[in-house]
Amino acid sequence: MKYVWRSLNTGLIASCALGGYFLVGDNTQHHPLQDWFACPMLAILAFVFALFSVWYSTEFAKCAILKSPSWDRLSMDWRNDPLQCLAVSTCNLAAFSLGGLVRLPFQAHPQYLAVGMFCSGMLGFLLGQALIYRVYRSRICSAISDSP
């Protein structure tokens, strides 16, 4: 079963990279968002969301042990497996950023803000993960795979 999850996770990352490529290339937006303050706000919100999701799972969902992220499983349960969801979300935003950066030089009207938003969200999640792994390191255990 772990090969199914590995394939699914890899396909998810590849589809996010293609999504970033095509989203940055979309010129149908007549009034592009010009509010550059949105990038740092998204980074701050992503950072706070990462911290809140782990705090919520440890305090209210009574998750005493946090499983470290693994490429061998797919979890969309933010309440009981926040580190896996956070790692998958960070990888997805990194793929969106990479796809957008590949397309950016070939645009007649580059959409820097779209790529900036992807990068800001990824940066917020990365900083949140760094703090989470520092604060909750005694509660994190290695993920044990279900099947060989």
Foldseek 3Di string as FASTA:
>chain_A
DLVVLLVVLVVLLQVLLQVLLVVQVDPPDPDDDPPLVVLLVLLQVLLVVLQVLVVQLVPPVVQQAAEAADSRDDDPDSNRHVNNNLVSLLSSLVSSLNSNVVNQVVDPDGDVVSSSNSVSSNNSSVVNVVVCCVPCVVRYDYDDHPDD
